[in-house]
Amino acid sequence: MKSSKLLEFLKKGNVSIPLYLIQNYKKLNISLEEFLFLMYLYNLGDKVLFDPKRYSNDLNVNNKDIMNYISNLSDKNLITVKTLKTEKGLLEEYILLDGFYDKLSIFMMEEINDTDSKKESDIYELIQKEFGRTIGTIEIEIINAWLENNISEDLIKEALKEAVLNGVFNLKYIDKILYEWGKDGIKTVKDVEERRAKRKKKKEEKEDIDIDIVDWDWFDED
């Protein structure tokens, strides 16, 4: 089947396709033609009477293609062809879309989980919280530039921490910290911690020397 035939039908008929499905149909691992046929079934309801001839006439597609779509969608567990008893006690075949809805639910839950994880580590939200204000467009561009230059969020958080401890609440200061760290080859939080430890040790050693100088008895010097 040519997709143009199905598109022609979609233009003529009253078929509704949610934008979310259009944007994410490739996740279903199906062709565009199979997707359009699935959307045709989707618009007929959750339980569709198995009637390939009707589908063929509605979509202006030959019966062989219709059967191929049904087979492929069944193999991918998106639809199920099942024999059910009608209210009159007769047995008839139906196409059920339970598999499609199950996969759709999984996709949506994964997106929700990904969004939640992103929120937990969102550097933009953290900076706004520490600054106590909403950051502007230019500031967002600065943060984007850091990330695009492969500066990790963890390293940015360390620079933010240092800026806050020094009572400075602007991105230019943080940018300067990151620039100096980059010049010194500091790329990870571990590098920052080691740098701080060295500075602390050097400061302590200097204080010890200063104490020795102060305590020196110059009058008793031989």
N, C-alpha and C. Protein backbone atom coordinates (compact mmCIF):
# COMPACT_ATOMS: atom_id res chain seq x y z
N MET A 1 0.83 -1.19 0.00
CA MET A 1 0.00 0.00 0.00
C MET A 1 0.86 1.25 0.00
N LYS A 2 0.48 2.22 -0.78
CA LYS A 2 1.17 3.50 -0.80
C LYS A 2 0.58 4.38 0.30
N SER A 3 1.46 5.07 1.04
CA SER A 3 0.98 5.92 2.12
C SER A 3 0.07 7.02 1.60
N SER A 4 0.28 7.44 0.35
CA SER A 4 -0.54 8.51 -0.21
C SER A 4 -2.01 8.12 -0.26
N LYS A 5 -2.29 6.84 -0.47
CA LYS A 5 -3.68 6.38 -0.51
C LYS A 5 -4.34 6.54 0.85
N LEU A 6 -3.59 6.16 1.88
CA LEU A 6 -4.14 6.30 3.22
C LEU A 6 -4.29 7.77 3.59
N LEU A 7 -3.32 8.57 3.20
CA LEU A 7 -3.40 9.99 3.49
C LEU A 7 -4.60 10.63 2.80
N GLU A 8 -4.88 10.14 1.61
CA GLU A 8 -6.04 10.64 0.87
C GLU A 8 -7.31 10.32 1.64
N PHE A 9 -7.35 9.11 2.19
CA PHE A 9 -8.53 8.72 2.99
C PHE A 9 -8.64 9.59 4.24
N LEU A 10 -7.49 9.84 4.89
CA LEU A 10 -7.50 10.62 6.11
C LEU A 10 -7.99 12.04 5.86
N LYS A 11 -7.68 12.56 4.70
CA LYS A 11 -8.14 13.90 4.36
C LYS A 11 -9.66 13.93 4.16
N LYS A 12 -10.17 12.86 3.60
CA LYS A 12 -11.60 12.81 3.31
C LYS A 12 -12.42 12.43 4.53
N GLY A 13 -11.90 11.50 5.29
CA GLY A 13 -12.66 11.00 6.43
C GLY A 13 -12.44 11.83 7.67
N ASN A 14 -13.19 11.49 8.72
CA ASN A 14 -13.09 12.19 9.99
C ASN A 14 -12.31 11.31 10.96
N VAL A 15 -10.99 11.27 10.75
CA VAL A 15 -10.12 10.42 11.57
C VAL A 15 -9.27 11.30 12.46
N SER A 16 -9.27 11.00 13.74
CA SER A 16 -8.51 11.79 14.71
C SER A 16 -7.25 11.04 15.12
N ILE A 17 -6.09 11.73 15.04
CA ILE A 17 -4.82 11.14 15.46
C ILE A 17 -4.17 12.07 16.47
N PRO A 18 -4.04 11.67 17.72
CA PRO A 18 -3.39 12.52 18.72
C PRO A 18 -1.97 12.89 18.31
N LEU A 19 -1.60 14.14 18.57
CA LEU A 19 -0.26 14.61 18.20
C LEU A 19 0.82 13.78 18.86
N TYR A 20 0.56 13.33 20.08
CA TYR A 20 1.55 12.52 20.80
C TYR A 20 1.89 11.25 20.02
N LEU A 21 0.88 10.64 19.41
CA LEU A 21 1.10 9.41 18.65
C LEU A 21 1.89 9.69 17.38
N ILE A 22 1.60 10.81 16.74
CA ILE A 22 2.33 11.17 15.53
C ILE A 22 3.81 11.38 15.85
N GLN A 23 4.08 12.03 16.98
CA GLN A 23 5.45 12.33 17.36
C GLN A 23 6.22 11.10 17.83
N ASN A 24 5.49 10.07 18.28
CA ASN A 24 6.17 8.93 18.91
C ASN A 24 5.90 7.59 18.25
N TYR A 25 5.28 7.58 17.07
CA TYR A 25 4.90 6.29 16.47
C TYR A 25 6.11 5.42 16.15
N LYS A 26 7.26 6.04 15.90
CA LYS A 26 8.46 5.25 15.56
C LYS A 26 8.90 4.36 16.71
N LYS A 27 8.52 4.73 17.94
CA LYS A 27 8.84 3.89 19.09
C LYS A 27 8.13 2.55 19.01
N LEU A 28 7.06 2.51 18.25
CA LEU A 28 6.31 1.26 18.10
C LEU A 28 6.98 0.30 17.13
N ASN A 29 8.02 0.80 16.45
CA ASN A 29 8.78 -0.01 15.49
C ASN A 29 7.89 -0.52 14.36
N ILE A 30 7.09 0.40 13.80
CA ILE A 30 6.21 0.05 12.69
C ILE A 30 6.40 1.08 11.57
N SER A 31 5.98 0.70 10.37
CA SER A 31 6.10 1.61 9.24
C SER A 31 5.00 2.66 9.30
N LEU A 32 5.14 3.70 8.48
CA LEU A 32 4.13 4.74 8.43
C LEU A 32 2.80 4.17 7.98
N GLU A 33 2.81 3.25 6.99
CA GLU A 33 1.57 2.65 6.50
C GLU A 33 0.89 1.84 7.61
N GLU A 34 1.69 1.10 8.37
CA GLU A 34 1.13 0.31 9.46
C GLU A 34 0.56 1.23 10.55
N PHE A 35 1.26 2.33 10.79
CA PHE A 35 0.78 3.29 11.78
C PHE A 35 -0.56 3.88 11.38
N LEU A 36 -0.68 4.27 10.11
CA LEU A 36 -1.92 4.86 9.64
C LEU A 36 -3.07 3.86 9.69
N PHE A 37 -2.77 2.61 9.38
CA PHE A 37 -3.80 1.58 9.48
C PHE A 37 -4.20 1.38 10.95
N LEU A 38 -3.20 1.40 11.83
CA LEU A 38 -3.48 1.27 13.26
C LEU A 38 -4.35 2.42 13.75
N MET A 39 -4.09 3.62 13.25
CA MET A 39 -4.90 4.78 13.63
C MET A 39 -6.32 4.67 13.09
N TYR A 40 -6.46 4.04 11.94
CA TYR A 40 -7.79 3.78 11.38
C TYR A 40 -8.56 2.87 12.33
N LEU A 41 -7.91 1.80 12.80
CA LEU A 41 -8.54 0.89 13.76
C LEU A 41 -8.83 1.61 15.08
N TYR A 42 -7.87 2.43 15.50
CA TYR A 42 -7.99 3.20 16.75
C TYR A 42 -9.25 4.06 16.74
N ASN A 43 -9.58 4.61 15.60
CA ASN A 43 -10.75 5.46 15.48
C ASN A 43 -12.05 4.66 15.43
N LEU A 44 -11.95 3.36 15.13
CA LEU A 44 -13.14 2.51 15.10
C LEU A 44 -13.53 2.00 16.47
N GLY A 45 -12.59 2.08 17.43
CA GLY A 45 -12.90 1.65 18.79
C GLY A 45 -11.91 0.66 19.33
N ASP A 46 -12.07 0.29 20.61
CA ASP A 46 -11.15 -0.65 21.27
C ASP A 46 -11.33 -2.08 20.76
N LYS A 47 -12.54 -2.38 20.32
CA LYS A 47 -12.86 -3.72 19.82
C LYS A 47 -13.51 -3.57 18.46
N VAL A 48 -12.79 -4.01 17.43
CA VAL A 48 -13.25 -3.79 16.05
C VAL A 48 -13.59 -5.13 15.40
N LEU A 49 -14.76 -5.20 14.80
CA LEU A 49 -15.17 -6.41 14.10
C LEU A 49 -14.18 -6.71 12.97
N PHE A 50 -13.70 -7.95 12.93
CA PHE A 50 -12.72 -8.34 11.92
C PHE A 50 -13.39 -8.38 10.54
N ASP A 51 -13.06 -7.39 9.73
CA ASP A 51 -13.70 -7.26 8.43
C ASP A 51 -12.73 -6.66 7.42
N PRO A 52 -11.75 -7.46 6.95
CA PRO A 52 -10.73 -6.96 6.02
C PRO A 52 -11.32 -6.32 4.77
N LYS A 53 -12.44 -6.83 4.28
CA LYS A 53 -13.05 -6.26 3.08
C LYS A 53 -13.48 -4.82 3.32
N ARG A 54 -14.05 -4.58 4.50
CA ARG A 54 -14.46 -3.22 4.84
C ARG A 54 -13.25 -2.30 4.92
N TYR A 55 -12.17 -2.79 5.59
CA TYR A 55 -10.96 -1.98 5.72
C TYR A 55 -10.42 -1.63 4.33
N SER A 56 -10.43 -2.65 3.45
CA SER A 56 -9.91 -2.46 2.10
C SER A 56 -10.70 -1.39 1.35
N ASN A 57 -12.03 -1.44 1.48
CA ASN A 57 -12.87 -0.46 0.79
C ASN A 57 -12.70 0.94 1.38
N ASP A 58 -12.65 1.01 2.72
CA ASP A 58 -12.51 2.31 3.38
C ASP A 58 -11.21 3.00 3.00
N LEU A 59 -10.13 2.20 2.95
CA LEU A 59 -8.80 2.78 2.76
C LEU A 59 -8.33 2.75 1.31
N ASN A 60 -9.15 2.15 0.44
CA ASN A 60 -8.77 2.03 -0.97
C ASN A 60 -7.43 1.30 -1.11
N VAL A 61 -7.31 0.22 -0.35
CA VAL A 61 -6.09 -0.59 -0.33
C VAL A 61 -6.49 -2.03 -0.59
N ASN A 62 -5.63 -2.76 -1.33
CA ASN A 62 -6.01 -4.13 -1.66
C ASN A 62 -5.99 -5.01 -0.41
N ASN A 63 -6.73 -6.09 -0.47
CA ASN A 63 -6.93 -6.97 0.68
C ASN A 63 -5.63 -7.60 1.17
N LYS A 64 -4.73 -7.88 0.23
CA LYS A 64 -3.46 -8.50 0.61
C LYS A 64 -2.65 -7.59 1.53
N ASP A 65 -2.61 -6.31 1.21
CA ASP A 65 -1.89 -5.35 2.06
C ASP A 65 -2.54 -5.26 3.43
N ILE A 66 -3.87 -5.25 3.44
CA ILE A 66 -4.58 -5.18 4.71
C ILE A 66 -4.20 -6.36 5.61
N MET A 67 -4.18 -7.55 5.04
CA MET A 67 -3.84 -8.75 5.81
C MET A 67 -2.39 -8.70 6.29
N ASN A 68 -1.51 -8.12 5.49
CA ASN A 68 -0.10 -7.97 5.91
C ASN A 68 0.01 -7.04 7.11
N TYR A 69 -0.75 -5.94 7.09
CA TYR A 69 -0.72 -5.00 8.21
C TYR A 69 -1.24 -5.66 9.49
N ILE A 70 -2.31 -6.41 9.34
CA ILE A 70 -2.88 -7.11 10.50
C ILE A 70 -1.87 -8.10 11.05
N SER A 71 -1.21 -8.84 10.17
CA SER A 71 -0.22 -9.82 10.59
C SER A 71 0.97 -9.16 11.29
N ASN A 72 1.49 -8.08 10.70
CA ASN A 72 2.65 -7.40 11.29
C ASN A 72 2.33 -6.77 12.64
N LEU A 73 1.17 -6.16 12.73
CA LEU A 73 0.78 -5.53 13.99
C LEU A 73 0.51 -6.57 15.07
N SER A 74 0.03 -7.72 14.65
CA SER A 74 -0.19 -8.83 15.60
C SER A 74 1.14 -9.37 16.10
N ASP A 75 2.10 -9.53 15.18
CA ASP A 75 3.44 -10.03 15.55
C ASP A 75 4.12 -9.11 16.54
N LYS A 76 3.83 -7.81 16.44
CA LYS A 76 4.44 -6.83 17.34
C LYS A 76 3.59 -6.56 18.58
N ASN A 77 2.59 -7.42 18.78
CA ASN A 77 1.73 -7.37 19.97
C ASN A 77 1.01 -6.03 20.15
N LEU A 78 0.70 -5.40 19.04
CA LEU A 78 -0.06 -4.15 19.11
C LEU A 78 -1.55 -4.39 18.98
N ILE A 79 -1.91 -5.44 18.25
CA ILE A 79 -3.32 -5.83 18.14
C ILE A 79 -3.43 -7.34 18.33
N THR A 80 -4.62 -7.77 18.62
CA THR A 80 -4.89 -9.21 18.79
C THR A 80 -6.19 -9.54 18.06
N VAL A 81 -6.16 -10.59 17.26
CA VAL A 81 -7.38 -11.07 16.61
C VAL A 81 -7.94 -12.19 17.48
N LYS A 82 -9.16 -11.98 17.97
CA LYS A 82 -9.72 -12.92 18.93
C LYS A 82 -11.18 -13.22 18.60
N THR A 83 -11.56 -14.48 18.82
CA THR A 83 -12.93 -14.89 18.59
C THR A 83 -13.73 -14.69 19.88
N LEU A 84 -14.82 -13.92 19.78
CA LEU A 84 -15.64 -13.62 20.95
C LEU A 84 -17.11 -13.95 20.67
N LYS A 85 -17.83 -14.18 21.73
CA LYS A 85 -19.25 -14.49 21.59
C LYS A 85 -20.06 -13.19 21.69
N THR A 86 -20.95 -13.01 20.75
CA THR A 86 -21.79 -11.81 20.73
C THR A 86 -22.95 -11.97 21.71
N GLU A 87 -23.73 -10.91 21.88
CA GLU A 87 -24.88 -10.95 22.78
C GLU A 87 -25.92 -11.99 22.33
N LYS A 88 -25.91 -12.25 21.02
CA LYS A 88 -26.85 -13.25 20.48
C LYS A 88 -26.28 -14.66 20.55
N GLY A 89 -25.09 -14.81 21.13
CA GLY A 89 -24.49 -16.13 21.27
C GLY A 89 -23.71 -16.59 20.06
N LEU A 90 -23.54 -15.71 19.09
CA LEU A 90 -22.78 -16.06 17.89
C LEU A 90 -21.29 -15.78 18.11
N LEU A 91 -20.44 -16.59 17.46
CA LEU A 91 -19.00 -16.39 17.55
C LEU A 91 -18.53 -15.53 16.37
N GLU A 92 -17.83 -14.44 16.69
CA GLU A 92 -17.30 -13.56 15.65
C GLU A 92 -15.88 -13.13 16.01
N GLU A 93 -15.12 -12.83 14.97
CA GLU A 93 -13.74 -12.40 15.19
C GLU A 93 -13.67 -10.88 15.34
N TYR A 94 -12.85 -10.47 16.29
CA TYR A 94 -12.65 -9.04 16.54
C TYR A 94 -11.16 -8.73 16.61
N ILE A 95 -10.83 -7.49 16.32
CA ILE A 95 -9.46 -6.99 16.51
C ILE A 95 -9.46 -6.16 17.78
N LEU A 96 -8.63 -6.56 18.74
CA LEU A 96 -8.53 -5.85 20.01
C LEU A 96 -7.24 -5.03 20.02
N LEU A 97 -7.30 -3.82 20.58
CA LEU A 97 -6.14 -2.93 20.61
C LEU A 97 -5.50 -2.84 21.99
N ASP A 98 -5.73 -3.84 22.83
CA ASP A 98 -5.18 -3.82 24.18
C ASP A 98 -3.66 -3.69 24.19
N GLY A 99 -3.00 -4.43 23.29
CA GLY A 99 -1.54 -4.39 23.23
C GLY A 99 -1.02 -3.00 22.90
N PHE A 100 -1.70 -2.33 22.01
CA PHE A 100 -1.33 -0.96 21.63
C PHE A 100 -1.43 -0.02 22.83
N TYR A 101 -2.54 -0.13 23.58
CA TYR A 101 -2.73 0.73 24.74
C TYR A 101 -1.71 0.42 25.84
N ASP A 102 -1.36 -0.86 25.98
CA ASP A 102 -0.36 -1.25 26.98
C ASP A 102 0.99 -0.62 26.66
N LYS A 103 1.41 -0.69 25.39
CA LYS A 103 2.69 -0.12 25.00
C LYS A 103 2.67 1.40 25.14
N LEU A 104 1.55 1.99 24.81
CA LEU A 104 1.41 3.44 24.93
C LEU A 104 1.56 3.87 26.39
N SER A 105 0.99 3.09 27.30
CA SER A 105 1.09 3.40 28.73
C SER A 105 2.53 3.31 29.20
N ILE A 106 3.25 2.29 28.70
CA ILE A 106 4.66 2.12 29.08
C ILE A 106 5.48 3.32 28.62
N PHE A 107 5.27 3.75 27.38
CA PHE A 107 6.00 4.90 26.84
C PHE A 107 5.76 6.14 27.69
N MET A 108 4.49 6.35 28.05
CA MET A 108 4.14 7.56 28.80
C MET A 108 4.72 7.51 30.21
N MET A 109 4.74 6.34 30.83
CA MET A 109 5.32 6.20 32.17
C MET A 109 6.82 6.43 32.13
N GLU A 110 7.48 5.94 31.08
CA GLU A 110 8.92 6.16 30.94
C GLU A 110 9.23 7.65 30.81
N GLU A 111 8.40 8.36 30.06
CA GLU A 111 8.60 9.80 29.89
C GLU A 111 8.40 10.54 31.20
N ILE A 112 7.40 10.11 31.96
CA ILE A 112 7.16 10.74 33.27
C ILE A 112 8.34 10.51 34.20
N ASN A 113 8.88 9.28 34.21
CA ASN A 113 10.03 8.96 35.06
C ASN A 113 11.26 9.74 34.64
N ASP A 114 11.46 9.88 33.31
CA ASP A 114 12.60 10.64 32.80
C ASP A 114 12.48 12.10 33.20
N THR A 115 11.26 12.63 33.14
CA THR A 115 11.03 14.03 33.51
C THR A 115 11.30 14.24 34.99
N ASP A 116 10.86 13.28 35.82
CA ASP A 116 11.08 13.39 37.27
C ASP A 116 12.57 13.36 37.58
N SER A 117 13.31 12.48 36.90
CA SER A 117 14.76 12.37 37.13
C SER A 117 15.45 13.66 36.72
N LYS A 118 14.99 14.23 35.62
CA LYS A 118 15.58 15.47 35.13
C LYS A 118 15.34 16.60 36.12
N LYS A 119 14.14 16.62 36.70
CA LYS A 119 13.83 17.68 37.65
C LYS A 119 14.72 17.59 38.88
N GLU A 120 15.05 16.35 39.29
CA GLU A 120 15.87 16.16 40.48
C GLU A 120 17.26 16.75 40.28
N SER A 121 17.77 16.75 39.06
CA SER A 121 19.13 17.20 38.80
C SER A 121 19.15 18.46 37.92
N ASP A 122 18.04 19.18 37.88
CA ASP A 122 17.94 20.33 36.99
C ASP A 122 18.80 21.48 37.52
N ILE A 123 19.88 21.76 36.82
CA ILE A 123 20.82 22.79 37.26
C ILE A 123 20.18 24.17 37.23
N TYR A 124 19.25 24.38 36.28
CA TYR A 124 18.58 25.67 36.18
C TYR A 124 17.76 25.96 37.44
N GLU A 125 17.01 24.96 37.88
CA GLU A 125 16.18 25.12 39.07
C GLU A 125 17.05 25.36 40.30
N LEU A 126 18.18 24.65 40.37
CA LEU A 126 19.06 24.78 41.54
C LEU A 126 19.65 26.19 41.63
N ILE A 127 20.11 26.72 40.49
CA ILE A 127 20.69 28.07 40.48
C ILE A 127 19.64 29.10 40.87
N GLN A 128 18.43 28.96 40.35
CA GLN A 128 17.36 29.89 40.71
C GLN A 128 17.05 29.83 42.20
N LYS A 129 17.10 28.63 42.75
CA LYS A 129 16.83 28.46 44.18
C LYS A 129 17.90 29.13 45.01
N GLU A 130 19.18 28.95 44.63
CA GLU A 130 20.28 29.54 45.39
C GLU A 130 20.32 31.06 45.24
N PHE A 131 19.98 31.54 44.05
CA PHE A 131 19.99 32.99 43.81
C PHE A 131 18.75 33.67 44.39
N GLY A 132 17.70 32.88 44.64
CA GLY A 132 16.48 33.44 45.18
C GLY A 132 15.71 34.27 44.18
N ARG A 133 15.88 33.96 42.90
CA ARG A 133 15.19 34.71 41.85
C ARG A 133 15.15 33.89 40.58
N THR A 134 14.36 34.34 39.61
CA THR A 134 14.28 33.68 38.31
C THR A 134 15.44 34.15 37.44
N ILE A 135 16.13 33.22 36.82
CA ILE A 135 17.25 33.59 35.95
C ILE A 135 16.72 34.05 34.59
N GLY A 136 17.46 34.95 33.94
CA GLY A 136 17.03 35.52 32.68
C GLY A 136 17.49 34.73 31.48
N THR A 137 17.08 35.19 30.31
CA THR A 137 17.41 34.51 29.05
C THR A 137 18.91 34.43 28.82
N ILE A 138 19.63 35.53 29.06
CA ILE A 138 21.09 35.54 28.86
C ILE A 138 21.76 34.55 29.81
N GLU A 139 21.27 34.48 31.04
CA GLU A 139 21.84 33.56 32.02
C GLU A 139 21.61 32.11 31.60
N ILE A 140 20.44 31.84 31.04
CA ILE A 140 20.14 30.49 30.54
C ILE A 140 21.10 30.13 29.41
N GLU A 141 21.39 31.10 28.56
CA GLU A 141 22.33 30.86 27.46
C GLU A 141 23.73 30.56 27.98
N ILE A 142 24.12 31.23 29.06
CA ILE A 142 25.43 30.97 29.67
C ILE A 142 25.50 29.54 30.20
N ILE A 143 24.43 29.13 30.88
CA ILE A 143 24.38 27.76 31.42
C ILE A 143 24.41 26.75 30.29
N ASN A 144 23.65 27.02 29.23
CA ASN A 144 23.64 26.13 28.07
C ASN A 144 25.03 26.01 27.46
N ALA A 145 25.76 27.12 27.44
CA ALA A 145 27.12 27.11 26.88
C ALA A 145 28.03 26.23 27.73
N TRP A 146 27.87 26.28 29.04
CA TRP A 146 28.67 25.40 29.92
C TRP A 146 28.41 23.93 29.58
N LEU A 147 27.13 23.59 29.48
CA LEU A 147 26.76 22.20 29.22
C LEU A 147 27.22 21.76 27.83
N GLU A 148 27.12 22.66 26.86
CA GLU A 148 27.55 22.33 25.50
C GLU A 148 29.06 22.13 25.41
N ASN A 149 29.79 22.75 26.34
CA ASN A 149 31.25 22.60 26.40
C ASN A 149 31.67 21.46 27.33
N ASN A 150 30.69 20.56 27.57
CA ASN A 150 30.94 19.33 28.36
C ASN A 150 31.37 19.59 29.79
N ILE A 151 30.91 20.71 30.35
CA ILE A 151 31.12 20.93 31.78
C ILE A 151 29.96 20.25 32.50
N SER A 152 30.27 19.32 33.37
CA SER A 152 29.23 18.52 34.00
C SER A 152 28.39 19.35 34.97
N GLU A 153 27.17 18.90 35.19
CA GLU A 153 26.29 19.59 36.14
C GLU A 153 26.88 19.54 37.54
N ASP A 154 27.54 18.43 37.87
CA ASP A 154 28.16 18.31 39.20
C ASP A 154 29.23 19.36 39.41
N LEU A 155 30.03 19.63 38.36
CA LEU A 155 31.08 20.64 38.47
C LEU A 155 30.48 22.04 38.59
N ILE A 156 29.39 22.28 37.83
CA ILE A 156 28.70 23.57 37.92
C ILE A 156 28.14 23.76 39.33
N LYS A 157 27.63 22.69 39.91
CA LYS A 157 27.09 22.78 41.27
C LYS A 157 28.18 23.13 42.27
N GLU A 158 29.38 22.59 42.06
CA GLU A 158 30.50 22.91 42.95
C GLU A 158 30.91 24.38 42.83
N ALA A 159 30.90 24.87 41.59
CA ALA A 159 31.22 26.29 41.37
C ALA A 159 30.15 27.17 41.99
N LEU A 160 28.90 26.75 41.88
CA LEU A 160 27.78 27.48 42.49
C LEU A 160 27.95 27.51 44.01
N LYS A 161 28.32 26.37 44.57
CA LYS A 161 28.51 26.27 46.01
C LYS A 161 29.60 27.25 46.48
N GLU A 162 30.69 27.31 45.72
CA GLU A 162 31.79 28.19 46.06
C GLU A 162 31.37 29.66 45.97
N ALA A 163 30.57 29.97 44.94
CA ALA A 163 30.10 31.35 44.78
C ALA A 163 29.19 31.75 45.94
N VAL A 164 28.29 30.87 46.33
CA VAL A 164 27.35 31.15 47.42
C VAL A 164 28.10 31.32 48.74
N LEU A 165 29.10 30.48 48.98
CA LEU A 165 29.90 30.58 50.20
C LEU A 165 30.64 31.92 50.28
N ASN A 166 30.98 32.46 49.12
CA ASN A 166 31.66 33.75 49.06
C ASN A 166 30.67 34.91 48.99
N GLY A 167 29.38 34.59 49.05
CA GLY A 167 28.36 35.63 49.06
C GLY A 167 28.15 36.32 47.72
N VAL A 168 28.51 35.62 46.63
CA VAL A 168 28.35 36.19 45.30
C VAL A 168 27.25 35.43 44.56
N PHE A 169 26.28 36.15 44.04
CA PHE A 169 25.13 35.50 43.40
C PHE A 169 24.95 35.97 41.96
N ASN A 170 25.96 35.72 41.14
CA ASN A 170 25.81 36.01 39.71
C ASN A 170 26.62 35.00 38.90
N LEU A 171 26.18 34.77 37.67
CA LEU A 171 26.78 33.74 36.83
C LEU A 171 28.16 34.13 36.33
N LYS A 172 28.46 35.43 36.25
CA LYS A 172 29.79 35.85 35.79
C LYS A 172 30.87 35.33 36.74
N TYR A 173 30.56 35.37 38.02
CA TYR A 173 31.51 34.87 39.03
C TYR A 173 31.69 33.36 38.90
N ILE A 174 30.57 32.68 38.71
CA ILE A 174 30.63 31.22 38.53
C ILE A 174 31.38 30.88 37.25
N ASP A 175 31.14 31.66 36.21
CA ASP A 175 31.82 31.44 34.94
C ASP A 175 33.33 31.61 35.11
N LYS A 176 33.73 32.59 35.92
CA LYS A 176 35.16 32.82 36.17
C LYS A 176 35.76 31.64 36.92
N ILE A 177 35.00 31.11 37.88
CA ILE A 177 35.48 29.94 38.64
C ILE A 177 35.70 28.76 37.70
N LEU A 178 34.71 28.51 36.86
CA LEU A 178 34.80 27.39 35.92
C LEU A 178 35.95 27.59 34.93
N TYR A 179 36.17 28.84 34.51
CA TYR A 179 37.26 29.15 33.59
C TYR A 179 38.61 28.87 34.24
N GLU A 180 38.78 29.31 35.49
CA GLU A 180 40.04 29.08 36.21
C GLU A 180 40.27 27.60 36.45
N TRP A 181 39.19 26.90 36.79
CA TRP A 181 39.32 25.46 36.99
C TRP A 181 39.74 24.77 35.70
N GLY A 182 39.15 25.21 34.58
CA GLY A 182 39.50 24.63 33.30
C GLY A 182 40.96 24.83 32.96
N LYS A 183 41.50 26.03 33.26
CA LYS A 183 42.92 26.31 33.02
C LYS A 183 43.81 25.41 33.85
N ASP A 184 43.34 25.08 35.06
CA ASP A 184 44.13 24.24 35.98
C ASP A 184 43.89 22.75 35.77
N GLY A 185 43.08 22.42 34.74
CA GLY A 185 42.83 21.01 34.44
C GLY A 185 41.83 20.35 35.37
N ILE A 186 41.04 21.14 36.05
CA ILE A 186 40.02 20.59 36.96
C ILE A 186 38.76 20.30 36.18
N LYS A 187 38.38 19.02 36.12
CA LYS A 187 37.23 18.62 35.32
C LYS A 187 36.16 17.87 36.10
N THR A 188 36.51 17.42 37.31
CA THR A 188 35.56 16.64 38.10
C THR A 188 35.46 17.19 39.52
N VAL A 189 34.45 16.74 40.24
CA VAL A 189 34.27 17.15 41.63
C VAL A 189 35.46 16.66 42.47
N LYS A 190 35.97 15.49 42.12
CA LYS A 190 37.13 14.96 42.84
C LYS A 190 38.33 15.89 42.70
N ASP A 191 38.52 16.44 41.50
CA ASP A 191 39.61 17.39 41.27
C ASP A 191 39.43 18.63 42.15
N VAL A 192 38.18 19.09 42.28
CA VAL A 192 37.90 20.26 43.11
C VAL A 192 38.22 19.96 44.57
N GLU A 193 37.82 18.80 45.04
CA GLU A 193 38.06 18.42 46.43
C GLU A 193 39.55 18.31 46.72
N GLU A 194 40.29 17.74 45.78
CA GLU A 194 41.74 17.63 45.95
C GLU A 194 42.39 19.00 45.98
N ARG A 195 41.91 19.91 45.14
CA ARG A 195 42.43 21.29 45.10
C ARG A 195 42.16 21.98 46.44
N ARG A 196 40.96 21.81 46.97
CA ARG A 196 40.61 22.42 48.24
C ARG A 196 41.47 21.86 49.37
N ALA A 197 41.70 20.53 49.32
CA ALA A 197 42.51 19.89 50.35
C ALA A 197 43.95 20.42 50.33
N LYS A 198 44.49 20.61 49.12
CA LYS A 198 45.86 21.13 48.99
C LYS A 198 45.95 22.56 49.51
N ARG A 199 44.95 23.37 49.17
CA ARG A 199 44.94 24.76 49.63
C ARG A 199 44.83 24.84 51.15
N LYS A 200 44.01 23.96 51.71
CA LYS A 200 43.83 23.94 53.16
C LYS A 200 45.14 23.55 53.85
N LYS A 201 45.81 22.55 53.28
CA LYS A 201 47.08 22.08 53.85
C LYS A 201 48.14 23.18 53.75
N LYS A 202 48.16 23.85 52.59
CA LYS A 202 49.13 24.93 52.38
C LYS A 202 48.89 26.08 53.35
N LYS A 203 47.61 26.39 53.60
CA LYS A 203 47.24 27.45 54.53
C LYS A 203 47.66 27.10 55.94
N GLU A 204 47.44 25.85 56.32
CA GLU A 204 47.81 25.40 57.67
C GLU A 204 49.32 25.45 57.85
N GLU A 205 50.05 25.03 56.80
CA GLU A 205 51.51 25.07 56.89
C GLU A 205 52.00 26.51 57.03
N LYS A 206 51.37 27.44 56.32
CA LYS A 206 51.75 28.85 56.40
C LYS A 206 51.47 29.40 57.78
N GLU A 207 50.33 29.00 58.38
CA GLU A 207 49.99 29.45 59.71
C GLU A 207 51.00 28.94 60.73
N ASP A 208 51.47 27.71 60.54
CA ASP A 208 52.47 27.13 61.45
C ASP A 208 53.77 27.92 61.36
N ILE A 209 54.16 28.30 60.14
CA ILE A 209 55.39 29.08 59.95
C ILE A 209 55.27 30.44 60.61
N ASP A 210 54.09 31.09 60.43
CA ASP A 210 53.86 32.40 61.02
C ASP A 210 53.93 32.35 62.54
N ILE A 211 53.40 31.27 63.13
CA ILE A 211 53.44 31.10 64.58
C ILE A 211 54.88 30.96 65.06
N ASP A 212 55.70 30.18 64.33
CA ASP A 212 57.10 30.00 64.69
C ASP A 212 57.85 31.33 64.67
N ILE A 213 57.53 32.17 63.67
CA ILE A 213 58.19 33.47 63.56
C ILE A 213 57.80 34.37 64.73
N VAL A 214 56.52 34.37 65.10
CA VAL A 214 56.05 35.19 66.21
C VAL A 214 56.65 34.74 67.53
N ASP A 215 56.78 33.44 67.71
CA ASP A 215 57.28 32.90 68.97
C ASP A 215 58.81 32.97 69.08
N TRP A 216 59.48 33.37 68.05
CA TRP A 216 60.95 33.39 68.08
C TRP A 216 61.45 34.47 69.06
N ASP A 217 62.34 34.08 69.96
CA ASP A 217 62.89 34.99 70.95
C ASP A 217 64.12 35.69 70.34
N TRP A 218 63.89 36.86 69.78
CA TRP A 218 64.96 37.55 69.07
C TRP A 218 66.07 38.05 70.02
N PHE A 219 65.70 38.30 71.26
CA PHE A 219 66.69 38.83 72.20
C PHE A 219 67.66 37.77 72.70
N ASP A 220 67.19 36.49 72.65
CA ASP A 220 68.06 35.40 73.11
C ASP A 220 68.85 34.79 71.97
N GLU A 221 68.70 35.37 70.78
CA GLU A 221 69.39 34.79 69.62
C GLU A 221 70.89 35.00 69.76
N ASP A 222 71.63 33.93 69.57
CA ASP A 222 73.09 34.01 69.66
C ASP A 222 73.68 34.64 68.43
